[in-house]
Amino acid sequence: MGGKLEGIGARLQTDGDFTKVSSVVVGGPAWKTKKLQDDDVILKVAQKGQDPVDITGMRVDDVVQ
């Protein structure tokens, strides 16, 4: 069984009601664009062409979905 996981290239963790970047994966999209850094708090997420969604209070698993 094989597969490929694509994402932002960062490890995330919960910090209270917030989702925080615990580390940026070297070579991943976040590292290449330099738009995220360790300890950044992510408040909203969006798919291309869609409105941003407030993720405050969401579980990390739900944020990744």
N, C-alpha and C. Protein backbone atom coordinates (compact mmCIF):
# COMPACT_ATOMS: atom_id res chain seq x y z
N MET A 1 0.86 -1.18 0.00
CA MET A 1 0.00 0.00 0.00
C MET A 1 0.90 1.23 0.00
N GLY A 2 0.63 2.13 -0.90
CA GLY A 2 1.42 3.34 -0.98
C GLY A 2 0.52 4.54 -1.06
N GLY A 3 1.07 5.67 -0.77
CA GLY A 3 0.26 6.87 -0.83
C GLY A 3 1.12 8.10 -0.74
N LYS A 4 0.50 9.21 -0.97
CA LYS A 4 1.21 10.48 -0.92
C LYS A 4 0.36 11.45 -0.11
N LEU A 5 0.99 12.10 0.84
CA LEU A 5 0.30 13.10 1.66
C LEU A 5 0.83 14.47 1.28
N GLU A 6 -0.06 15.33 0.84
CA GLU A 6 0.34 16.69 0.51
C GLU A 6 -0.27 17.64 1.51
N GLY A 7 0.48 18.61 1.90
CA GLY A 7 -0.02 19.59 2.85
C GLY A 7 0.79 20.86 2.75
N ILE A 8 0.78 21.62 3.83
CA ILE A 8 1.49 22.90 3.84
C ILE A 8 2.96 22.75 4.18
N GLY A 9 3.35 21.56 4.63
CA GLY A 9 4.74 21.35 4.98
C GLY A 9 5.09 21.89 6.36
N ALA A 10 4.18 21.70 7.29
CA ALA A 10 4.42 22.15 8.66
C ALA A 10 3.76 21.18 9.64
N ARG A 11 4.40 20.98 10.77
CA ARG A 11 3.81 20.20 11.86
C ARG A 11 3.00 21.16 12.72
N LEU A 12 1.78 20.75 13.02
CA LEU A 12 0.87 21.61 13.78
C LEU A 12 0.57 21.03 15.14
N GLN A 13 0.24 21.90 16.08
CA GLN A 13 -0.17 21.46 17.42
C GLN A 13 -1.23 22.41 17.93
N THR A 14 -2.00 21.92 18.89
CA THR A 14 -3.01 22.75 19.53
C THR A 14 -2.38 23.52 20.68
N ASP A 15 -2.74 24.79 20.78
CA ASP A 15 -2.29 25.64 21.88
C ASP A 15 -3.52 26.37 22.40
N GLY A 16 -4.20 25.76 23.37
CA GLY A 16 -5.48 26.31 23.84
C GLY A 16 -6.51 26.15 22.74
N ASP A 17 -7.13 27.25 22.34
CA ASP A 17 -8.11 27.24 21.26
C ASP A 17 -7.48 27.44 19.89
N PHE A 18 -6.17 27.56 19.84
CA PHE A 18 -5.50 27.92 18.60
C PHE A 18 -4.67 26.77 18.03
N THR A 19 -4.43 26.84 16.73
CA THR A 19 -3.54 25.91 16.05
C THR A 19 -2.24 26.64 15.78
N LYS A 20 -1.16 26.01 16.19
CA LYS A 20 0.16 26.63 16.14
C LYS A 20 1.11 25.77 15.31
N VAL A 21 2.03 26.41 14.60
CA VAL A 21 3.06 25.70 13.85
C VAL A 21 4.14 25.29 14.84
N SER A 22 4.31 23.98 15.04
CA SER A 22 5.37 23.53 15.95
C SER A 22 6.70 23.47 15.23
N SER A 23 6.67 23.14 13.93
CA SER A 23 7.89 23.21 13.13
C SER A 23 7.55 23.20 11.65
N VAL A 24 8.38 23.85 10.87
CA VAL A 24 8.25 23.87 9.42
C VAL A 24 9.12 22.75 8.87
N VAL A 25 8.57 21.96 7.94
CA VAL A 25 9.29 20.84 7.35
C VAL A 25 10.23 21.37 6.27
N VAL A 26 11.54 21.12 6.45
CA VAL A 26 12.54 21.57 5.48
C VAL A 26 12.25 20.92 4.12
N GLY A 27 12.18 21.76 3.09
CA GLY A 27 11.90 21.29 1.74
C GLY A 27 10.43 21.32 1.37
N GLY A 28 9.54 21.50 2.35
CA GLY A 28 8.10 21.52 2.10
C GLY A 28 7.64 22.87 1.59
N PRO A 29 6.35 22.96 1.21
CA PRO A 29 5.81 24.22 0.67
C PRO A 29 5.98 25.43 1.60
N ALA A 30 5.72 25.27 2.89
CA ALA A 30 5.85 26.40 3.82
C ALA A 30 7.29 26.87 3.91
N TRP A 31 8.22 25.93 3.87
CA TRP A 31 9.64 26.27 3.94
C TRP A 31 10.07 27.00 2.67
N LYS A 32 9.60 26.51 1.51
CA LYS A 32 9.98 27.11 0.23
C LYS A 32 9.46 28.54 0.08
N THR A 33 8.23 28.79 0.54
CA THR A 33 7.66 30.12 0.40
C THR A 33 8.06 31.07 1.52
N LYS A 34 8.55 30.50 2.62
CA LYS A 34 8.96 31.28 3.79
C LYS A 34 7.82 32.12 4.38
N LYS A 35 6.56 31.63 4.19
CA LYS A 35 5.40 32.36 4.70
C LYS A 35 5.01 31.93 6.11
N LEU A 36 5.52 30.78 6.58
CA LEU A 36 5.25 30.31 7.93
C LEU A 36 6.55 30.10 8.67
N GLN A 37 6.50 30.33 9.97
CA GLN A 37 7.66 30.10 10.83
C GLN A 37 7.22 29.31 12.05
N ASP A 38 8.18 28.66 12.70
CA ASP A 38 7.89 27.97 13.96
C ASP A 38 7.19 28.94 14.92
N ASP A 39 6.20 28.44 15.64
CA ASP A 39 5.42 29.18 16.64
C ASP A 39 4.39 30.14 16.06
N ASP A 40 4.23 30.20 14.74
CA ASP A 40 3.15 31.01 14.16
C ASP A 40 1.81 30.42 14.58
N VAL A 41 0.82 31.27 14.80
CA VAL A 41 -0.54 30.83 15.11
C VAL A 41 -1.36 30.99 13.83
N ILE A 42 -2.07 29.92 13.45
CA ILE A 42 -2.91 29.94 12.25
C ILE A 42 -4.34 30.22 12.69
N LEU A 43 -4.91 31.30 12.20
CA LEU A 43 -6.26 31.71 12.61
C LEU A 43 -7.33 31.30 11.60
N LYS A 44 -6.98 31.31 10.31
CA LYS A 44 -7.94 30.96 9.26
C LYS A 44 -7.22 30.15 8.18
N VAL A 45 -8.00 29.31 7.50
CA VAL A 45 -7.49 28.55 6.36
C VAL A 45 -8.47 28.66 5.20
N ALA A 46 -7.95 28.49 3.98
CA ALA A 46 -8.83 28.54 2.80
C ALA A 46 -8.26 27.64 1.71
N GLN A 47 -9.15 27.07 0.96
CA GLN A 47 -8.78 26.37 -0.26
C GLN A 47 -8.78 27.40 -1.38
N LYS A 48 -8.02 27.15 -2.42
CA LYS A 48 -7.93 28.08 -3.54
C LYS A 48 -9.33 28.38 -4.08
N GLY A 49 -9.66 29.66 -4.18
CA GLY A 49 -10.94 30.08 -4.73
C GLY A 49 -12.08 30.10 -3.73
N GLN A 50 -11.82 29.79 -2.47
CA GLN A 50 -12.87 29.77 -1.45
C GLN A 50 -12.57 30.80 -0.36
N ASP A 51 -13.61 31.16 0.39
CA ASP A 51 -13.44 32.10 1.48
C ASP A 51 -12.70 31.44 2.65
N PRO A 52 -11.88 32.22 3.38
CA PRO A 52 -11.19 31.68 4.56
C PRO A 52 -12.17 31.25 5.64
N VAL A 53 -11.80 30.20 6.37
CA VAL A 53 -12.62 29.66 7.46
C VAL A 53 -11.86 29.86 8.78
N ASP A 54 -12.54 30.44 9.76
CA ASP A 54 -11.96 30.63 11.09
C ASP A 54 -11.81 29.26 11.75
N ILE A 55 -10.59 28.92 12.18
CA ILE A 55 -10.35 27.59 12.76
C ILE A 55 -10.16 27.64 14.27
N THR A 56 -10.43 28.80 14.88
CA THR A 56 -10.30 28.92 16.33
C THR A 56 -11.19 27.90 17.02
N GLY A 57 -10.61 27.12 17.92
CA GLY A 57 -11.36 26.13 18.68
C GLY A 57 -11.48 24.78 18.00
N MET A 58 -10.99 24.66 16.77
CA MET A 58 -11.08 23.38 16.05
C MET A 58 -9.93 22.45 16.46
N ARG A 59 -10.20 21.14 16.41
CA ARG A 59 -9.14 20.15 16.64
C ARG A 59 -8.20 20.16 15.45
N VAL A 60 -6.93 19.85 15.69
CA VAL A 60 -5.93 19.85 14.62
C VAL A 60 -6.35 18.90 13.49
N ASP A 61 -6.89 17.75 13.83
CA ASP A 61 -7.35 16.80 12.81
C ASP A 61 -8.39 17.44 11.89
N ASP A 62 -9.28 18.22 12.45
CA ASP A 62 -10.31 18.89 11.65
C ASP A 62 -9.71 20.02 10.82
N VAL A 63 -8.73 20.71 11.36
CA VAL A 63 -8.05 21.79 10.63
C VAL A 63 -7.38 21.23 9.38
N VAL A 64 -6.72 20.10 9.52
CA VAL A 64 -6.00 19.49 8.40
C VAL A 64 -6.97 19.04 7.31
N GLN A 65 -8.15 18.59 7.71
CA GLN A 65 -9.15 18.18 6.71
C GLN A 65 -9.55 19.35 5.87
